N, C-alpha and C. Protein backbone atom coordinates (compact mmCIF):
# COMPACT_ATOMS: atom_id res chain seq x y z
N UNK A 1 -8.41 -21.84 -1.35
CA UNK A 1 -7.75 -20.49 -1.06
C UNK A 1 -9.29 -20.41 -1.00
N UNK A 2 -9.58 -19.85 0.40
CA UNK A 2 -10.26 -18.69 0.68
C UNK A 2 -10.28 -17.19 0.97
N UNK A 3 -10.38 -16.87 0.71
CA UNK A 3 -9.60 -15.16 0.82
C UNK A 3 -11.73 -14.08 1.07
N UNK A 4 -11.06 -13.64 2.39
CA UNK A 4 -11.65 -12.77 2.27
C UNK A 4 -11.20 -11.46 2.43
N UNK A 5 -12.49 -10.08 2.35
CA UNK A 5 -11.95 -8.80 3.09
C UNK A 5 -13.05 -8.59 3.58
N UNK A 6 -12.50 -8.07 4.63
CA UNK A 6 -13.75 -7.75 5.55
C UNK A 6 -13.30 -6.48 5.82
N UNK A 7 -14.15 -5.89 5.60
CA UNK A 7 -14.43 -4.14 5.81
C UNK A 7 -15.61 -3.64 6.76
N UNK A 8 -14.99 -2.00 6.73
CA UNK A 8 -16.09 -0.93 7.41
C UNK A 8 -16.52 -0.16 6.17
N UNK A 9 -17.33 -0.35 6.04
CA UNK A 9 -18.17 0.87 5.17
C UNK A 9 -18.60 0.28 3.74
N UNK A 10 -19.35 0.83 2.90
CA UNK A 10 -19.42 0.28 1.58
C UNK A 10 -18.95 1.67 0.90
N UNK A 11 -18.86 0.16 -0.66
CA UNK A 11 -18.26 1.58 -1.40
C UNK A 11 -19.31 2.54 -3.04
N UNK A 12 -19.50 3.79 -2.06
CA UNK A 12 -20.87 4.38 -2.79
C UNK A 12 -20.28 4.33 -4.43
N UNK A 13 -18.72 4.50 -4.47
CA UNK A 13 -18.67 5.30 -5.92
C UNK A 13 -18.42 4.06 -7.40
N UNK A 14 -19.12 3.94 -8.05
CA UNK A 14 -19.24 3.00 -9.26
C UNK A 14 -17.58 2.74 -9.64
N UNK A 15 -16.86 3.17 -10.09
CA UNK A 15 -16.05 3.09 -10.71
C UNK A 15 -15.25 2.07 -9.65
N UNK A 16 -15.01 2.01 -8.49
CA UNK A 16 -14.43 1.51 -7.60
C UNK A 16 -15.01 -0.18 -7.52
N UNK A 17 -16.17 0.34 -7.77
CA UNK A 17 -17.22 -1.26 -7.61
C UNK A 17 -16.79 -2.02 -9.35
N UNK A 18 -16.41 -0.87 -9.79
CA UNK A 18 -16.28 -1.67 -11.14
C UNK A 18 -14.75 -2.39 -11.33
N UNK A 19 -13.87 -1.73 -10.76
CA UNK A 19 -12.32 -2.16 -10.73
C UNK A 19 -12.37 -3.19 -9.56
N UNK A 20 -13.53 -3.25 -8.40
CA UNK A 20 -13.09 -4.19 -7.62
C UNK A 20 -13.75 -5.19 -8.17
N UNK A 21 -14.42 -5.66 -9.19
CA UNK A 21 -15.47 -6.20 -9.72
C UNK A 21 -14.60 -6.84 -10.76
N UNK A 22 -14.59 -6.54 -11.64
CA UNK A 22 -13.07 -6.61 -12.58
C UNK A 22 -12.09 -8.38 -11.82
N UNK A 23 -11.36 -7.70 -10.78
CA UNK A 23 -10.43 -8.03 -10.08
C UNK A 23 -10.60 -9.30 -9.76
N UNK A 24 -11.85 -9.35 -8.60
CA UNK A 24 -12.81 -10.33 -8.54
C UNK A 24 -13.14 -11.33 -9.54
N UNK A 25 -12.78 -11.01 -10.72
CA UNK A 25 -13.65 -11.63 -12.01
C UNK A 25 -12.02 -12.65 -11.78
N UNK A 26 -11.62 -11.43 -12.15
CA UNK A 26 -9.64 -12.37 -12.48
C UNK A 26 -9.50 -13.20 -11.61
N UNK A 27 -9.60 -13.18 -9.93
CA UNK A 27 -9.83 -13.48 -8.62
C UNK A 27 -9.63 -14.74 -8.93
N UNK A 28 -11.24 -15.18 -9.88
CA UNK A 28 -11.70 -16.60 -9.25
C UNK A 28 -11.16 -17.87 -10.01
N UNK A 29 -10.02 -17.66 -10.57
CA UNK A 29 -9.20 -18.91 -11.39
C UNK A 29 -8.25 -19.43 -9.98
N UNK A 30 -8.17 -18.66 -9.35
CA UNK A 30 -7.24 -19.19 -8.62
C UNK A 30 -7.77 -19.28 -6.68
N UNK A 31 -8.98 -18.43 -6.74
CA UNK A 31 -9.28 -18.39 -4.98
C UNK A 31 -10.55 -17.99 -5.22
N UNK A 32 -11.34 -18.43 -4.02
CA UNK A 32 -12.36 -18.18 -3.66
C UNK A 32 -12.73 -16.77 -3.06
N UNK A 33 -13.12 -15.07 -3.36
CA UNK A 33 -13.00 -14.26 -2.60
C UNK A 33 -14.11 -13.78 -2.72
N UNK A 34 -14.58 -13.18 -1.46
CA UNK A 34 -15.46 -12.88 -0.74
C UNK A 34 -15.40 -11.67 0.32
N UNK A 35 -16.16 -10.85 -0.44
CA UNK A 35 -16.24 -8.65 0.56
C UNK A 35 -17.03 -9.08 1.48
N UNK A 36 -16.61 -8.77 2.22
CA UNK A 36 -17.34 -8.73 3.20
C UNK A 36 -17.33 -7.69 4.09
N UNK A 37 -18.32 -6.31 3.75
CA UNK A 37 -19.22 -4.99 4.62
C UNK A 37 -18.99 -4.94 5.93
N UNK A 38 -19.32 -4.25 6.81
CA UNK A 38 -19.76 -4.11 8.23
C UNK A 38 -19.82 -2.46 8.08
N UNK A 39 -21.50 -2.35 8.84
CA UNK A 39 -21.14 -1.25 8.47
C UNK A 39 -20.13 -0.26 9.53
N UNK A 40 -20.00 1.06 9.19
CA UNK A 40 -19.74 2.17 9.67
C UNK A 40 -20.57 3.26 10.42
N UNK A 41 -19.17 3.92 11.71
CA UNK A 41 -20.03 4.49 11.98
C UNK A 41 -20.41 5.91 11.90
N UNK A 42 -20.90 6.96 11.96
CA UNK A 42 -20.38 8.38 11.56
C UNK A 42 -19.92 9.08 12.21
N UNK A 43 -18.77 9.55 11.96
CA UNK A 43 -17.55 10.38 12.31
C UNK A 43 -18.37 12.00 12.63
N UNK A 44 -18.82 12.32 13.25
CA UNK A 44 -18.88 14.30 13.88
C UNK A 44 -17.54 14.63 13.32
N UNK A 45 -16.77 15.78 12.59
CA UNK A 45 -16.29 16.60 12.70
C UNK A 45 -15.76 17.07 13.98
N UNK A 46 -14.31 17.64 13.90
CA UNK A 46 -14.13 17.81 15.43
C UNK A 46 -14.19 16.60 16.26
N UNK A 47 -14.61 15.20 16.73
CA UNK A 47 -14.57 14.17 17.73
C UNK A 47 -13.55 13.96 18.52
N UNK A 48 -13.90 14.23 19.61
CA UNK A 48 -13.11 13.76 21.29
C UNK A 48 -12.77 12.41 20.82
N UNK A 49 -11.40 12.42 21.28
CA UNK A 49 -10.74 11.43 21.71
C UNK A 49 -11.29 9.94 21.74
N UNK A 50 -12.13 10.42 23.04
CA UNK A 50 -13.28 9.63 23.39
C UNK A 50 -14.03 9.73 22.83
N UNK A 51 -14.62 10.33 21.57
CA UNK A 51 -16.06 9.45 20.82
C UNK A 51 -15.13 8.46 19.97
N UNK A 52 -14.14 9.65 19.09
CA UNK A 52 -13.44 8.53 18.12
C UNK A 52 -12.58 6.88 18.35
N UNK A 53 -12.72 6.55 19.81
CA UNK A 53 -12.52 5.49 20.67
C UNK A 53 -13.84 4.30 20.60
N UNK A 54 -14.63 5.07 21.03
CA UNK A 54 -15.84 5.02 20.80
C UNK A 54 -16.32 3.99 19.82
N UNK A 55 -16.48 4.70 18.47
CA UNK A 55 -16.33 4.58 17.15
C UNK A 55 -15.52 3.00 16.97
N UNK A 56 -14.54 3.72 16.89
CA UNK A 56 -13.34 2.51 15.98
C UNK A 56 -14.00 0.72 17.01
N UNK A 57 -14.16 1.07 18.50
CA UNK A 57 -14.99 -0.11 19.05
C UNK A 57 -15.85 -0.70 18.38
N UNK A 58 -17.09 0.09 18.53
CA UNK A 58 -18.31 -0.41 17.77
C UNK A 58 -17.90 -1.20 16.28
N UNK A 59 -16.58 -0.09 15.44
CA UNK A 59 -17.01 -0.93 14.78
C UNK A 59 -15.72 -2.35 14.31
N UNK A 60 -15.08 -2.07 15.30
CA UNK A 60 -14.47 -3.07 15.15
C UNK A 60 -15.42 -4.69 16.39
N UNK A 61 -16.11 -3.99 17.47
CA UNK A 61 -17.42 -5.05 17.68
C UNK A 61 -17.81 -6.13 15.84
N UNK A 62 -18.19 -4.73 15.61
CA UNK A 62 -18.79 -5.62 13.91
C UNK A 62 -17.55 -6.13 13.57
N UNK A 63 -16.84 -5.97 13.04
CA UNK A 63 -15.43 -6.84 12.75
C UNK A 63 -15.31 -8.27 12.91
N UNK A 64 -14.94 -8.07 14.28
CA UNK A 64 -14.71 -9.65 14.87
C UNK A 64 -16.26 -10.49 14.98
N UNK A 65 -16.86 -9.71 14.94
CA UNK A 65 -17.99 -11.08 15.04
C UNK A 65 -18.50 -11.52 13.85
N UNK A 66 -17.61 -11.21 12.14
CA UNK A 66 -17.34 -11.89 11.43
C UNK A 66 -16.45 -12.92 11.09
N UNK A 67 -15.02 -12.44 11.86
CA UNK A 67 -14.10 -13.29 11.75
C UNK A 67 -14.00 -14.65 12.60
N UNK A 68 -14.20 -15.58 11.44
CA UNK A 68 -14.17 -17.22 10.89
C UNK A 68 -13.07 -17.65 11.97
N UNK A 69 -13.12 -18.48 12.59
CA UNK A 69 -12.45 -19.11 13.61
C UNK A 69 -11.44 -20.09 13.05
N UNK A 70 -10.20 -19.71 13.03
CA UNK A 70 -9.37 -20.44 12.27
C UNK A 70 -8.63 -19.59 11.42
N UNK A 71 -9.50 -18.79 11.09
CA UNK A 71 -8.47 -17.93 9.74
C UNK A 71 -7.60 -17.43 10.23
N UNK A 72 -6.43 -16.89 8.83
CA UNK A 72 -5.43 -16.56 8.91
C UNK A 72 -6.04 -14.67 8.99
N UNK A 73 -5.48 -14.04 9.65
CA UNK A 73 -6.01 -12.52 10.20
C UNK A 73 -4.74 -11.36 8.90
N UNK A 74 -5.26 -11.01 8.50
CA UNK A 74 -3.66 -9.67 8.39
C UNK A 74 -4.49 -8.37 7.84
N UNK A 75 -4.43 -7.39 8.57
CA UNK A 75 -5.11 -6.20 9.31
C UNK A 75 -4.00 -5.30 7.86
N UNK A 76 -4.58 -4.42 7.70
CA UNK A 76 -4.22 -3.52 6.75
C UNK A 76 -4.08 -2.23 7.11
N UNK A 77 -2.70 -2.11 7.80
CA UNK A 77 -2.40 -0.75 8.57
C UNK A 77 -1.25 -0.34 8.50
N UNK A 78 -1.16 1.34 8.91
CA UNK A 78 -0.04 2.15 8.60
C UNK A 78 1.01 1.36 9.42
N UNK A 79 0.64 1.46 10.47
CA UNK A 79 1.86 0.82 11.70
C UNK A 79 2.36 -0.55 11.27
N UNK A 80 1.75 -1.57 10.34
CA UNK A 80 2.13 -3.10 9.96
C UNK A 80 3.82 -3.03 8.92
N UNK A 81 4.23 -3.98 7.95
CA UNK A 81 5.27 -4.50 8.45
C UNK A 81 5.09 -4.42 6.46
N UNK A 82 5.86 -3.54 5.51
CA UNK A 82 5.32 -3.48 4.62
C UNK A 82 6.73 -4.22 3.07
N UNK A 83 5.73 -5.36 2.02
CA UNK A 83 6.45 -6.11 1.76
C UNK A 83 6.44 -5.86 0.43
N UNK A 84 7.22 -6.31 0.10
CA UNK A 84 6.93 -6.35 -2.21
C UNK A 84 6.00 -6.93 -2.36
N UNK A 85 5.96 -6.86 -3.73
CA UNK A 85 5.00 -8.15 -3.87
C UNK A 85 5.37 -9.80 -4.09
N UNK A 86 6.69 -9.93 -4.61
CA UNK A 86 6.59 -11.20 -4.53
C UNK A 86 7.03 -11.73 -3.05
N UNK A 87 6.92 -10.80 -1.90
CA UNK A 87 6.94 -11.80 -0.40
C UNK A 87 5.60 -11.69 -0.24
N UNK A 88 4.47 -10.78 -0.81
CA UNK A 88 3.25 -11.03 -0.33
C UNK A 88 2.86 -12.09 -0.44
N UNK A 89 3.35 -12.50 -2.50
CA UNK A 89 2.62 -13.77 -2.46
C UNK A 89 3.61 -14.69 -2.21
N UNK A 90 4.64 -15.30 -1.64
CA UNK A 90 4.73 -16.22 -0.63
C UNK A 90 4.37 -16.02 0.97
N UNK A 91 4.12 -14.77 0.91
CA UNK A 91 2.98 -15.00 2.27
C UNK A 91 1.54 -15.85 2.49
N UNK A 92 1.17 -15.36 1.13
CA UNK A 92 -0.55 -16.45 0.65
C UNK A 92 -0.11 -17.47 0.48
N UNK A 93 0.81 -17.77 -0.61
CA UNK A 93 1.32 -19.10 -0.73
C UNK A 93 1.54 -19.80 0.61
N UNK A 94 1.85 -19.98 1.99
CA UNK A 94 2.70 -20.43 3.16
C UNK A 94 1.96 -20.41 3.22
N UNK A 95 0.36 -19.36 3.62
CA UNK A 95 -0.48 -19.31 4.52
C UNK A 95 -0.99 -21.13 3.71
N UNK A 96 -1.02 -20.97 2.53
CA UNK A 96 -1.42 -22.46 2.00
C UNK A 96 -1.34 -23.74 2.22
N UNK A 97 0.06 -23.80 1.87
CA UNK A 97 1.17 -24.73 2.28
C UNK A 97 1.03 -25.60 4.12
N UNK A 98 0.82 -24.16 4.85
CA UNK A 98 0.87 -24.60 6.15
C UNK A 98 -0.45 -25.40 6.76
N UNK A 99 -1.78 -25.47 5.74
CA UNK A 99 -2.40 -25.91 6.22
C UNK A 99 -4.06 -25.07 6.76
N UNK A 100 -3.22 -23.50 6.05
CA UNK A 100 -4.69 -22.34 5.62
C UNK A 100 -5.51 -22.46 4.84
N UNK A 101 -7.11 -22.54 5.46
CA UNK A 101 -7.93 -22.70 3.94
C UNK A 101 -8.40 -21.29 3.86
N UNK A 102 -8.43 -20.63 4.58
CA UNK A 102 -8.71 -19.11 4.35
C UNK A 102 -8.34 -17.70 5.58
N UNK A 103 -7.72 -16.96 4.53
CA UNK A 103 -7.31 -15.55 5.04
C UNK A 103 -8.35 -14.84 4.82
N UNK A 104 -8.05 -13.97 5.87
CA UNK A 104 -9.25 -12.79 5.99
C UNK A 104 -8.00 -11.67 6.43
N UNK A 105 -8.68 -10.33 5.16
CA UNK A 105 -7.59 -9.01 5.16
C UNK A 105 -8.39 -8.34 5.70
N UNK A 106 -8.68 -7.76 6.77
CA UNK A 106 -9.31 -6.81 7.47
C UNK A 106 -8.78 -5.24 6.80
N UNK A 107 -9.79 -4.07 6.62
CA UNK A 107 -9.42 -3.32 6.84
C UNK A 107 -10.63 -2.11 7.21
N UNK A 108 -9.88 -0.77 8.07
CA UNK A 108 -10.72 -0.23 8.98
C UNK A 108 -11.60 0.78 8.09
N UNK A 109 -12.50 2.01 9.22
CA UNK A 109 -12.78 2.52 8.87
C UNK A 109 -12.17 4.08 8.41
N UNK A 110 -12.45 4.87 8.15
CA UNK A 110 -11.67 6.64 8.39
C UNK A 110 -11.10 6.67 9.24
N UNK A 111 -11.36 6.05 10.68
CA UNK A 111 -10.52 6.19 11.72
C UNK A 111 -9.49 5.30 12.17
N UNK A 112 -9.58 4.01 11.39
CA UNK A 112 -8.65 2.79 11.35
C UNK A 112 -9.04 1.92 11.86
N UNK A 113 -8.32 1.30 12.54
CA UNK A 113 -8.57 -0.11 13.22
C UNK A 113 -8.37 -0.12 14.90
N UNK A 114 -8.93 -0.41 15.83
CA UNK A 114 -9.04 -0.12 17.15
C UNK A 114 -8.36 -1.44 17.65
N UNK A 115 -7.89 -1.15 19.01
CA UNK A 115 -6.72 -2.24 19.50
C UNK A 115 -6.99 -3.12 19.00
N UNK A 116 -8.83 -4.24 19.49
CA UNK A 116 -8.86 -5.41 19.40
C UNK A 116 -8.85 -6.27 18.57
N UNK A 117 -8.68 -5.45 17.15
CA UNK A 117 -8.63 -5.97 15.91
C UNK A 117 -7.44 -6.37 15.62
N UNK A 118 -6.18 -5.33 16.07
CA UNK A 118 -4.71 -5.68 15.86
C UNK A 118 -4.33 -6.58 16.58
N UNK A 119 -4.91 -6.63 18.00
CA UNK A 119 -4.42 -8.14 18.53
C UNK A 119 -4.68 -9.61 17.92
N UNK A 120 -6.03 -9.22 17.39
CA UNK A 120 -6.46 -10.81 16.87
C UNK A 120 -5.19 -10.65 15.28
N UNK A 121 -5.23 -9.81 15.25
CA UNK A 121 -4.22 -10.18 13.78
C UNK A 121 -2.62 -11.21 13.52
N UNK A 122 -3.14 -12.21 12.29
CA UNK A 122 -1.96 -13.07 12.90
C UNK A 122 -1.00 -12.22 11.88
N UNK A 123 -1.07 -10.76 11.13
CA UNK A 123 -0.20 -9.85 10.68
C UNK A 123 -0.71 -9.29 10.33
N UNK A 124 0.32 -7.87 10.31
CA UNK A 124 -0.21 -6.37 9.59
C UNK A 124 0.43 -6.02 8.72
N UNK A 125 0.17 -5.44 8.02
CA UNK A 125 0.37 -5.09 6.65
C UNK A 125 0.15 -3.68 6.28
N UNK A 126 1.45 -3.33 5.86
CA UNK A 126 1.35 -1.59 5.26
C UNK A 126 1.68 -1.53 3.36
N UNK A 127 1.02 -0.81 3.22
CA UNK A 127 0.90 -0.55 1.75
C UNK A 127 2.15 0.52 1.59
N UNK A 128 1.87 1.61 2.75
CA UNK A 128 2.59 2.84 2.50
C UNK A 128 2.41 3.20 3.60
N UNK A 129 3.21 5.03 3.64
CA UNK A 129 3.38 5.45 5.27
C UNK A 129 2.32 6.61 5.08
N UNK A 130 1.45 6.55 3.45
CA UNK A 130 0.67 7.17 3.35
C UNK A 130 -1.06 7.07 3.52
N UNK A 131 -2.03 7.89 3.87
CA UNK A 131 -3.06 7.46 4.54
C UNK A 131 -3.87 7.24 2.66
N UNK A 132 -4.83 6.26 2.66
CA UNK A 132 -5.71 5.95 1.26
C UNK A 132 -6.96 5.95 1.46
N UNK A 133 -7.91 5.93 1.33
CA UNK A 133 -9.37 6.29 1.10
C UNK A 133 -9.47 4.74 1.50
N UNK A 134 -10.52 4.41 2.75
CA UNK A 134 -10.70 3.01 2.52
C UNK A 134 -11.22 2.19 1.15
N UNK A 135 -12.08 2.54 0.56
CA UNK A 135 -12.24 2.40 -0.52
C UNK A 135 -11.62 1.79 -1.82
N UNK A 136 -10.50 3.03 -1.75
CA UNK A 136 -9.43 2.84 -2.88
C UNK A 136 -8.74 1.51 -2.16
N UNK A 137 -8.17 1.17 -0.81
CA UNK A 137 -7.69 0.43 -0.42
C UNK A 137 -7.96 -1.04 -0.87
N UNK A 138 -9.47 -1.49 -0.93
CA UNK A 138 -10.01 -2.31 -1.96
C UNK A 138 -8.99 -2.73 -2.66
N UNK A 139 -9.26 -1.75 -3.71
CA UNK A 139 -8.71 -1.66 -5.24
C UNK A 139 -7.71 -2.24 -5.23
N UNK A 140 -7.20 -1.82 -4.43
CA UNK A 140 -5.35 -1.68 -4.27
C UNK A 140 -4.71 -3.51 -2.84
N UNK A 141 -5.98 -3.53 -2.72
CA UNK A 141 -5.69 -5.17 -1.87
C UNK A 141 -5.63 -6.04 -3.41
N UNK A 142 -7.15 -5.81 -3.88
CA UNK A 142 -7.32 -6.84 -5.08
C UNK A 142 -6.73 -6.84 -6.13
N UNK A 143 -5.91 -5.28 -6.40
CA UNK A 143 -4.94 -6.25 -7.48
C UNK A 143 -3.72 -6.32 -6.81
N UNK A 144 -3.41 -6.45 -5.86
CA UNK A 144 -2.24 -7.27 -5.44
C UNK A 144 -2.11 -8.41 -5.34
N UNK A 145 -3.36 -9.15 -4.76
CA UNK A 145 -4.02 -10.31 -4.46
C UNK A 145 -4.19 -11.07 -5.76
N UNK A 146 -4.47 -10.21 -7.15
CA UNK A 146 -4.08 -11.34 -8.32
C UNK A 146 -2.60 -10.78 -8.46
N UNK A 147 -1.80 -10.62 -8.03
CA UNK A 147 -0.63 -9.35 -8.93
C UNK A 147 -0.05 -11.41 -8.09
N UNK A 148 -0.21 -11.34 -6.41
CA UNK A 148 0.07 -12.84 -5.69
C UNK A 148 0.08 -14.06 -6.43
N UNK A 149 -0.54 -13.91 -6.59
CA UNK A 149 -1.46 -15.37 -7.42
C UNK A 149 -1.08 -15.80 -8.51
N UNK A 150 -1.03 -14.35 -9.59
CA UNK A 150 0.29 -14.51 -11.19
C UNK A 150 1.25 -15.15 -10.51
N UNK A 151 2.11 -14.59 -9.35
CA UNK A 151 3.71 -14.75 -8.74
C UNK A 151 3.30 -15.61 -8.77
N UNK A 152 2.97 -16.69 -7.67
CA UNK A 152 2.47 -17.92 -7.15
C UNK A 152 2.55 -18.85 -8.33
N UNK A 153 1.98 -18.41 -9.31
CA UNK A 153 1.89 -19.41 -9.96
C UNK A 153 2.57 -19.40 -11.57
N UNK A 154 3.60 -18.38 -11.24
CA UNK A 154 4.26 -18.01 -12.25
C UNK A 154 4.08 -17.94 -14.05
N UNK A 155 3.41 -16.73 -13.38
CA UNK A 155 2.38 -16.69 -14.82
C UNK A 155 2.98 -15.15 -15.15
N UNK A 156 3.39 -14.44 -16.28
CA UNK A 156 3.66 -13.14 -16.01
C UNK A 156 3.24 -12.52 -15.85
N UNK A 157 3.79 -11.21 -14.40
CA UNK A 157 2.90 -10.25 -14.64
C UNK A 157 3.69 -8.69 -14.51
N UNK A 158 3.36 -7.74 -14.66
CA UNK A 158 3.36 -6.18 -14.74
C UNK A 158 4.89 -5.56 -13.51
N UNK A 159 5.65 -5.77 -14.27
CA UNK A 159 7.09 -4.83 -12.83
C UNK A 159 7.13 -3.54 -12.86
């Protein structure tokens, strides 16, 4: 299974990069993990709603250009559905059993995801009603994918 984390912006903080690198190393025995970053747009303070919409649309176009045809697309968004780790593992497992060979998790920029991306999604996932920095969300997502594979393989994991 190939898993892509498609996200807006780069990670600047070394501690986030180190955490993601550690999970990528652990995941290498279960799947092929790829992290694809697209450029983010600078958002001025007190940007109008129109400008915010334009920024999200430009970021969405970049994201859409990197989505492969036939990939199972999961967006991470507050409006998505929440799952337990066990159910999240079942989603990944069922996708593979159902013939999907590529799952793409999409993380938006600081303004979130444009409607164009949300419409392309096969599944919308929420990790919380809280808002997290998109850099931290990558770490959390990597950990949950790793946990999912541990569950799928019947290996112990911390509860």
